Amino acid sequence: MTQNSIEQLRGDLLAAISAAGDSSALEEVRVSALGKKGRITALMKDLGAMDPEARKAFGQQVNALKAEVGSALESRKQAFEAAALNARLTTETMDVTLPVRPETEGSLHPISQTMDEIAAIFGVMGFEVAEGPDVEDDFHNFTALNFPPGHPAREMHDTFFLQDADDGERYLLRTHTSPVQIRTMMNAKAPIRIIAPGRTYRCDYDMTHTPMFHQVEGLIIDTESHMGHLKGCLAEFVRTYFGVDNLPVRFRPSFFPFTEPSAEMDIGCSRQGGELKLGDYGDWLEILGCGMVHPNVLKACGLDPDVYQGFAFGMGIERIAMLKYGIPDLRTFFESDLRWLRHYGFSALDVPSVTGGLNR
């Protein structure tokens, strides 16, 4: 093909690009020029029969033609896209005077509200909120909490273990927020007074258990706190949280590896007629576990058990939310059902406080 022929082809293609009336017509021009059987692509097939000097000169001309046509195609394509956008902006309108749809108003999840209520109550008692990682190592989740080797809670049916790290360390999704207590005791100086709310994970799923749930644990470390302080603190909490001034409480001996002595706390209730009511009705409902921090836990955190002592407690946030707000099934907390959230949710301005009230 001669120089004049290449110039003629160039003029024909640029004219066709300019004449294209829409994106479909422009695509047809692109395929006819640069497709597998396109006119520019066909020129490349002639290079094999040329001598080296002619091949070099002809190849440069074809590449220049290909680049120029490609640039013209892209410019024309952008012009079509800009015109389409302008047309859409011209035809599409929005009536900004329409009233706001009521479902656009957001609401707080009961878990978030309950966490705020818990923090408000314990905040008045002088507790601070502490946090820690969801992925823990064996030491912080088990060993430092006085779980001996072979304890059932270490087994796969309770714990989500992760793949061992390159250094051989065993990692897992924390089964309780107690590791936050360990990290606090190792990094802060006594006296310590914290609550540790957060997500926890265990291999279980039914009406009263989910693989991921929320807990709040409390810890006090000083030189004077005793079981009487623990009982008074928790009795005040449940009476304030549930809004029942005369709510009876009792403590039963129990066992937890990280506390000694250990106890479970019950609150008064009634189950007559299949309805659960809290108050002085003669029946009891277990609500949380607690106890004095075990000396071995203090030692693992570098504290002298002959000098320091304290108490700890823990409860399920979903559990106390279900009791207070009449939610029958734990699984509904995590099903992302907007109807459920509209029914049980809270206004973003409904900030809980002890003075302003904790009840709806």
Protein backbone atom coordinates (compact mmCIF):
# COMPACT_ATOMS: atom_id res chain seq x y z
CA MET A 1 0.00 0.00 0.00
CA THR A 2 1.36 3.44 -0.95
CA GLN A 3 1.57 6.61 1.12
CA ASN A 4 -1.39 8.02 -0.77
CA SER A 5 -3.43 4.91 0.05
CA ILE A 6 -2.69 5.24 3.77
CA GLU A 7 -3.69 8.90 3.67
CA GLN A 8 -6.89 7.97 1.85
CA LEU A 9 -7.68 5.33 4.50
CA ARG A 10 -6.96 7.84 7.26
CA GLY A 11 -9.36 10.35 5.73
CA ASP A 12 -12.08 7.75 5.24
CA LEU A 13 -11.90 6.50 8.85
CA LEU A 14 -11.80 9.96 10.44
CA ALA A 15 -14.76 10.99 8.31
CA ALA A 16 -16.68 7.89 9.36
CA ILE A 17 -15.95 8.63 13.02
CA SER A 18 -17.21 12.19 12.67
CA ALA A 19 -20.32 11.01 10.85
CA ALA A 20 -21.26 8.41 13.46
CA GLY A 21 -24.59 9.45 14.93
CA ASP A 22 -24.54 7.41 18.14
CA SER A 23 -22.51 4.95 20.18
CA SER A 24 -23.69 1.94 18.16
CA ALA A 25 -22.60 3.50 14.87
CA LEU A 26 -19.28 4.49 16.45
CA GLU A 27 -18.70 0.90 17.57
CA GLU A 28 -19.28 -0.32 14.01
CA VAL A 29 -16.61 2.11 12.79
CA ARG A 30 -14.20 0.86 15.47
CA VAL A 31 -14.69 -2.76 14.49
CA SER A 32 -14.29 -1.98 10.76
CA ALA A 33 -11.01 -0.21 11.49
CA LEU A 34 -9.39 -2.03 14.40
CA GLY A 35 -11.25 -5.34 14.67
CA LYS A 36 -9.71 -8.69 13.73
CA LYS A 37 -10.80 -8.17 10.12
CA GLY A 38 -10.52 -4.37 10.25
CA ARG A 39 -8.87 -2.27 7.55
CA ILE A 40 -5.95 -1.16 9.74
CA THR A 41 -5.44 -4.68 11.08
CA ALA A 42 -5.23 -5.97 7.48
CA LEU A 43 -2.35 -3.61 6.77
CA MET A 44 -0.23 -5.39 9.35
CA LYS A 45 -0.44 -8.60 7.32
CA ASP A 46 1.54 -7.01 4.48
CA LEU A 47 4.62 -6.43 6.65
CA GLY A 48 5.92 -10.00 6.30
CA ALA A 49 6.54 -9.63 2.55
CA MET A 50 8.59 -6.42 2.81
CA ASP A 51 12.32 -5.99 3.15
CA PRO A 52 13.58 -4.71 6.56
CA GLU A 53 13.85 -1.03 5.61
CA ALA A 54 10.46 -0.88 3.96
CA ARG A 55 8.91 -2.88 6.82
CA LYS A 56 10.24 -0.38 9.36
CA ALA A 57 8.94 2.67 7.49
CA PHE A 58 5.58 1.10 6.70
CA GLY A 59 5.13 -0.17 10.28
CA GLN A 60 5.69 3.32 11.66
CA GLN A 61 3.03 4.72 9.32
CA VAL A 62 0.50 2.05 10.28
CA ASN A 63 1.15 2.52 14.02
CA ALA A 64 0.70 6.27 13.68
CA LEU A 65 -2.56 5.72 11.80
CA LYS A 66 -3.76 3.25 14.44
CA ALA A 67 -2.98 5.70 17.28
CA GLU A 68 -4.70 8.61 15.54
CA VAL A 69 -7.84 6.63 14.77
CA GLY A 70 -7.92 5.22 18.29
CA SER A 71 -7.66 8.71 19.79
CA ALA A 72 -10.46 9.98 17.52
CA LEU A 73 -12.67 7.05 18.54
CA GLU A 74 -12.12 7.70 22.24
CA SER A 75 -12.84 11.43 21.88
CA ARG A 76 -16.04 10.74 20.00
CA LYS A 77 -17.08 8.13 22.59
CA GLN A 78 -16.58 10.61 25.44
CA ALA A 79 -18.65 13.18 23.56
CA PHE A 80 -21.53 10.70 23.28
CA GLU A 81 -21.28 9.83 27.01
CA ALA A 82 -21.28 13.51 27.99
CA ALA A 83 -24.31 14.17 25.80
CA ALA A 84 -26.15 11.19 27.31
CA LEU A 85 -25.40 12.42 30.83
CA ASN A 86 -26.59 15.93 30.03
CA ALA A 87 -29.80 14.55 28.56
CA ARG A 88 -30.39 12.45 31.66
CA LEU A 89 -29.76 15.41 33.97
CA THR A 90 -32.18 17.50 31.93
CA THR A 91 -35.01 14.95 31.94
CA GLU A 92 -34.64 13.49 35.46
CA THR A 93 -36.03 15.71 38.21
CA MET A 94 -36.62 15.42 41.95
CA ASP A 95 -39.32 17.20 43.90
CA VAL A 96 -37.42 18.40 46.97
CA THR A 97 -40.69 19.60 48.52
CA LEU A 98 -41.93 16.03 49.05
CA PRO A 99 -42.16 14.98 52.73
CA VAL A 100 -39.46 12.73 54.17
CA ARG A 101 -40.35 9.04 54.13
CA PRO A 102 -40.84 7.89 57.74
CA GLU A 103 -38.68 4.74 57.34
CA THR A 104 -35.60 6.86 56.69
CA GLU A 105 -35.48 7.69 60.40
CA GLY A 106 -32.84 5.46 61.96
CA SER A 107 -32.98 3.81 65.37
CA LEU A 108 -30.52 2.35 67.84
CA HIS A 109 -30.23 -1.40 68.19
CA PRO A 110 -31.27 -2.74 71.63
CA ILE A 111 -27.71 -4.05 72.13
CA SER A 112 -26.25 -0.57 71.69
CA GLN A 113 -28.87 0.93 73.98
CA THR A 114 -28.31 -1.71 76.67
CA MET A 115 -24.54 -1.17 76.54
CA ASP A 116 -25.11 2.56 77.06
CA GLU A 117 -27.45 1.86 79.97
CA ILE A 118 -24.88 -0.43 81.61
CA ALA A 119 -22.13 2.15 81.15
CA ALA A 120 -24.34 4.87 82.62
CA ILE A 121 -25.06 2.89 85.79
CA PHE A 122 -21.52 1.69 86.42
CA GLY A 123 -20.15 5.08 85.40
CA VAL A 124 -21.90 6.64 88.38
CA MET A 125 -20.16 4.01 90.55
CA GLY A 126 -16.78 5.12 89.25
CA PHE A 127 -16.16 2.42 86.62
CA GLU A 128 -14.37 3.17 83.34
CA VAL A 129 -14.98 1.38 80.03
CA ALA A 130 -12.07 -0.77 78.79
CA GLU A 131 -11.72 -2.56 75.45
CA GLY A 132 -9.53 -5.26 73.91
CA PRO A 133 -9.05 -7.27 70.69
CA ASP A 134 -11.56 -9.86 69.47
CA VAL A 135 -8.71 -12.18 68.40
CA GLU A 136 -6.82 -13.37 71.46
CA ASP A 137 -3.97 -15.70 72.31
CA ASP A 138 -4.21 -18.70 74.61
CA PHE A 139 -2.46 -16.93 77.48
CA HIS A 140 -4.86 -13.99 77.81
CA ASN A 141 -8.01 -16.02 77.11
CA PHE A 142 -7.24 -19.12 79.21
CA THR A 143 -3.88 -19.50 80.97
CA ALA A 144 -3.84 -16.16 82.81
CA LEU A 145 -7.42 -16.82 83.93
CA ASN A 146 -6.40 -20.02 85.73
CA PHE A 147 -7.80 -22.44 83.13
CA PRO A 148 -5.68 -25.59 83.55
CA PRO A 149 -4.56 -27.63 80.52
CA GLY A 150 -7.33 -29.96 79.36
CA HIS A 151 -10.14 -27.77 80.70
CA PRO A 152 -13.33 -28.39 78.65
CA ALA A 153 -13.61 -24.72 77.66
CA ARG A 154 -10.40 -25.08 75.67
CA GLU A 155 -11.87 -27.72 73.38
CA MET A 156 -13.14 -27.16 69.86
CA HIS A 157 -16.82 -27.57 70.76
CA ASP A 158 -16.69 -24.29 72.73
CA THR A 159 -13.99 -22.21 71.09
CA PHE A 160 -13.29 -20.92 67.57
CA PHE A 161 -9.57 -21.63 67.19
CA LEU A 162 -7.64 -19.98 64.37
CA GLN A 163 -4.73 -21.41 62.43
CA ASP A 164 -1.55 -21.49 64.50
CA ALA A 165 0.86 -18.66 63.83
CA ASP A 166 4.34 -19.19 62.41
CA ASP A 167 5.81 -18.81 65.89
CA GLY A 168 3.59 -21.64 67.18
CA GLU A 169 1.30 -19.32 69.17
CA ARG A 170 -2.32 -20.46 69.36
CA TYR A 171 -4.91 -17.80 68.50
CA LEU A 172 -8.69 -17.85 68.86
CA LEU A 173 -11.80 -15.69 68.90
CA ARG A 174 -12.21 -14.66 72.52
CA THR A 175 -14.80 -16.68 74.41
CA HIS A 176 -15.41 -13.93 76.98
CA THR A 177 -14.26 -10.36 77.63
CA SER A 178 -12.13 -11.51 80.58
CA PRO A 179 -8.91 -11.03 78.54
CA VAL A 180 -9.62 -7.30 78.76
CA GLN A 181 -9.36 -7.64 82.55
CA ILE A 182 -6.02 -9.43 82.18
CA ARG A 183 -4.62 -6.78 79.84
CA THR A 184 -5.81 -4.02 82.18
CA MET A 185 -4.23 -5.61 85.26
CA MET A 186 -0.94 -6.10 83.38
CA ASN A 187 -0.79 -2.55 82.00
CA ALA A 188 -2.50 -0.35 84.61
CA LYS A 189 -1.70 0.40 88.22
CA ALA A 190 -4.09 -0.40 91.06
CA PRO A 191 -6.64 0.71 92.07
CA ILE A 192 -8.53 -0.54 89.00
CA ARG A 193 -12.25 -0.17 88.38
CA ILE A 194 -13.42 -1.07 84.85
CA ILE A 195 -16.22 -2.65 82.87
CA ALA A 196 -15.40 -4.46 79.62
CA PRO A 197 -18.33 -4.71 77.16
CA GLY A 198 -17.84 -6.34 73.77
CA ARG A 199 -18.41 -9.20 71.35
CA THR A 200 -17.56 -12.78 72.28
CA TYR A 201 -17.65 -16.03 70.29
CA ARG A 202 -18.53 -19.66 71.04
CA CYS A 203 -19.52 -22.69 68.94
CA ASP A 204 -23.22 -22.84 69.77
CA TYR A 205 -26.50 -21.87 68.09
CA ASP A 206 -30.10 -22.28 69.27
CA MET A 207 -32.90 -20.20 70.76
CA THR A 208 -30.76 -19.14 73.71
CA HIS A 209 -27.24 -19.30 72.17
CA THR A 210 -25.59 -17.70 69.14
CA PRO A 211 -22.02 -18.09 67.78
CA MET A 212 -21.43 -14.38 68.38
CA PHE A 213 -22.93 -12.54 71.35
CA HIS A 214 -22.13 -9.70 73.72
CA GLN A 215 -20.91 -9.68 77.29
CA VAL A 216 -19.99 -7.09 79.85
CA GLU A 217 -17.57 -7.91 82.64
CA GLY A 218 -16.54 -5.81 85.58
CA LEU A 219 -13.37 -5.72 87.62
CA ILE A 220 -12.24 -3.97 90.77
CA ILE A 221 -8.68 -4.36 92.08
CA ASP A 222 -7.51 -2.59 95.23
CA THR A 223 -6.42 -3.46 98.75
CA GLU A 224 -9.79 -3.34 100.52
CA SER A 225 -12.68 -4.60 98.34
CA HIS A 226 -14.44 -7.70 99.61
CA MET A 227 -17.49 -9.88 98.92
CA GLY A 228 -19.79 -7.42 100.66
CA HIS A 229 -18.79 -4.68 98.22
CA LEU A 230 -19.43 -7.08 95.32
CA LYS A 231 -22.94 -7.89 96.56
CA GLY A 232 -23.83 -4.26 97.14
CA CYS A 233 -22.51 -3.18 93.74
CA LEU A 234 -24.45 -5.82 91.79
CA ALA A 235 -27.65 -5.43 93.80
CA GLU A 236 -27.62 -1.71 93.06
CA PHE A 237 -27.01 -2.39 89.39
CA VAL A 238 -29.90 -4.81 88.81
CA ARG A 239 -32.36 -2.66 90.77
CA THR A 240 -31.40 0.42 88.77
CA TYR A 241 -31.27 -1.33 85.41
CA PHE A 242 -34.63 -3.11 85.74
CA GLY A 243 -36.23 -0.19 87.54
CA VAL A 244 -37.44 -2.31 90.48
CA ASP A 245 -36.46 -0.73 93.80
CA ASN A 246 -37.31 -3.75 95.93
CA LEU A 247 -35.92 -6.38 93.55
CA PRO A 248 -34.65 -9.21 95.78
CA VAL A 249 -31.26 -10.74 95.05
CA ARG A 250 -29.43 -13.80 96.32
CA PHE A 251 -25.97 -15.27 95.79
CA ARG A 252 -25.38 -19.02 95.44
CA PRO A 253 -21.97 -20.72 95.66
CA SER A 254 -20.60 -21.68 92.25
CA PHE A 255 -17.29 -22.36 90.52
CA PHE A 256 -15.28 -20.35 87.99
CA PRO A 257 -11.54 -20.95 87.45
CA PHE A 258 -10.73 -17.24 87.70
CA THR A 259 -12.58 -16.40 90.96
CA GLU A 260 -12.50 -17.81 94.50
CA PRO A 261 -14.95 -17.78 96.13
CA SER A 262 -17.34 -17.80 93.18
CA ALA A 263 -21.07 -17.17 93.10
CA GLU A 264 -24.04 -16.95 90.82
CA MET A 265 -26.50 -14.12 91.38
CA ASP A 266 -30.28 -14.62 91.20
CA ILE A 267 -33.02 -12.01 91.07
CA GLY A 268 -36.60 -12.40 92.23
CA CYS A 269 -39.27 -13.19 89.67
CA SER A 270 -42.62 -14.82 88.96
CA ARG A 271 -43.43 -17.30 86.17
CA GLN A 272 -47.14 -17.68 86.83
CA GLY A 273 -49.36 -17.95 83.77
CA GLY A 274 -46.34 -18.37 81.52
CA GLU A 275 -45.36 -14.72 82.03
CA LEU A 276 -42.04 -13.68 83.53
CA LYS A 277 -42.25 -10.75 85.94
CA LEU A 278 -39.38 -9.38 88.01
CA GLY A 279 -39.93 -8.54 91.65
CA ASP A 280 -40.57 -10.05 95.07
CA TYR A 281 -42.77 -12.96 93.95
CA GLY A 282 -41.02 -15.90 95.61
CA ASP A 283 -39.27 -17.40 92.56
CA TRP A 284 -35.71 -16.88 91.34
CA LEU A 285 -33.89 -16.31 88.03
CA GLU A 286 -30.12 -16.65 87.53
CA ILE A 287 -28.71 -13.44 86.04
CA LEU A 288 -24.88 -13.41 86.23
CA GLY A 289 -21.69 -14.93 87.62
CA CYS A 290 -19.23 -13.25 89.95
CA GLY A 291 -16.62 -13.75 92.65
CA MET A 292 -13.38 -12.58 94.21
CA VAL A 293 -10.45 -12.55 91.80
CA HIS A 294 -8.42 -15.75 92.19
CA PRO A 295 -4.90 -15.28 93.61
CA ASN A 296 -3.47 -17.21 90.64
CA VAL A 297 -4.97 -14.62 88.27
CA LEU A 298 -3.38 -11.82 90.26
CA LYS A 299 -0.01 -13.59 90.12
CA ALA A 300 -0.27 -14.13 86.35
CA CYS A 301 -0.77 -10.38 85.96
CA GLY A 302 2.20 -9.46 88.15
CA LEU A 303 0.15 -8.44 91.22
CA ASP A 304 0.93 -9.61 94.73
CA PRO A 305 -2.17 -11.46 96.10
CA ASP A 306 -0.95 -10.73 99.64
CA VAL A 307 -1.39 -7.02 98.92
CA TYR A 308 -4.13 -6.75 96.30
CA GLN A 309 -7.57 -8.25 96.06
CA GLY A 310 -10.78 -7.46 94.25
CA PHE A 311 -13.87 -8.85 92.58
CA ALA A 312 -15.10 -9.55 89.08
CA PHE A 313 -18.46 -10.25 87.47
CA GLY A 314 -19.86 -10.96 84.01
CA MET A 315 -23.25 -11.10 82.31
CA GLY A 316 -24.71 -11.53 78.84
CA ILE A 317 -25.92 -8.25 77.35
CA GLU A 318 -28.52 -9.93 75.14
CA ARG A 319 -29.85 -11.82 78.16
CA ILE A 320 -30.55 -8.78 80.30
CA ALA A 321 -31.92 -6.90 77.27
CA MET A 322 -34.34 -9.76 76.62
CA LEU A 323 -35.49 -9.70 80.23
CA LYS A 324 -36.01 -5.94 80.34
CA TYR A 325 -37.62 -5.43 76.93
CA GLY A 326 -39.53 -8.69 76.54
CA ILE A 327 -37.59 -10.08 73.56
CA PRO A 328 -38.35 -13.82 73.35
CA ASP A 329 -35.68 -15.17 70.97
CA LEU A 330 -31.96 -14.43 71.10
CA ARG A 331 -31.49 -15.11 67.38
CA THR A 332 -33.65 -12.15 66.37
CA PHE A 333 -30.92 -9.77 67.57
CA PHE A 334 -28.83 -10.74 64.53
CA GLU A 335 -31.38 -11.34 61.76
CA SER A 336 -31.32 -7.75 60.37
CA ASP A 337 -35.12 -7.57 60.26
CA LEU A 338 -36.13 -3.91 59.96
CA ARG A 339 -39.60 -4.64 61.30
CA TRP A 340 -38.04 -6.06 64.48
CA LEU A 341 -35.70 -3.09 64.80
CA ARG A 342 -38.54 -0.59 64.34
CA HIS A 343 -40.41 -2.32 67.15
CA TYR A 344 -37.53 -2.78 69.62
CA GLY A 345 -35.21 0.02 68.49
CA PHE A 346 -34.54 3.29 70.30
CA SER A 347 -34.42 6.89 69.19
CA ALA A 348 -30.91 8.20 68.64
CA LEU A 349 -31.74 11.01 71.09
CA ASP A 350 -32.88 8.61 73.81
CA VAL A 351 -29.56 8.75 75.66
CA PRO A 352 -29.69 6.67 78.85
CA SER A 353 -28.60 8.17 82.14
CA VAL A 354 -29.27 7.42 85.77
CA THR A 355 -30.75 10.88 86.37
CA GLY A 356 -32.71 11.04 83.12
CA GLY A 357 -34.03 7.51 83.33
CA LEU A 358 -33.13 4.17 81.82
CA ASN A 359 -36.59 2.96 80.85
CA ARG A 360 -38.53 3.67 77.69
